[in-house]
Amino acid sequence: LIDATTTTRPPLFTMKFFLAASLLPTAIGAYVAPTTNYDRCLTPSEADDIATAISNGIEVDLFPDKVAPDQSSYWDMEYHGTYKILKNTQDTISTTYLLYQCGLSTMPFDETELTQFDSVFP
């Protein structure tokens, strides 16, 4: 914050700067990180807030509750912000699934990249 007593700028500049800075968080979207995984599709408003956050460089994690193969074998899960990749690691099957958050307006991969997955699920 600029101190109006030590600068040649008028106090009105200081007030405008302070007001603009205080409004900054609302100007870049209303994304609030979830505390638990969604058990439903995102609303259009939530999806827009997430897209805005991502485009503004904010790291998004829609899956704060993560699973791991601690008590089982032959599978693995990788988490990536708005999607996760489930891999069946059994030697005879080796299938890979893309699981992305339902309600997002854009896919995490383009059509040519989707061929690396056996199935894609929102």
Foldseek 3Di string as FASTA:
>chain_A
DDDCVPDPDHVVVVVVVVVVVVCVVVVQADDDADPAADPDADDLNNLVRVVSCVVVVHQAANHPDDDAQPPHDQWGWAGGRFWIKIFRRDPVPTAIEIEGGHHHPDDPDDPVVVVVHPYYYD
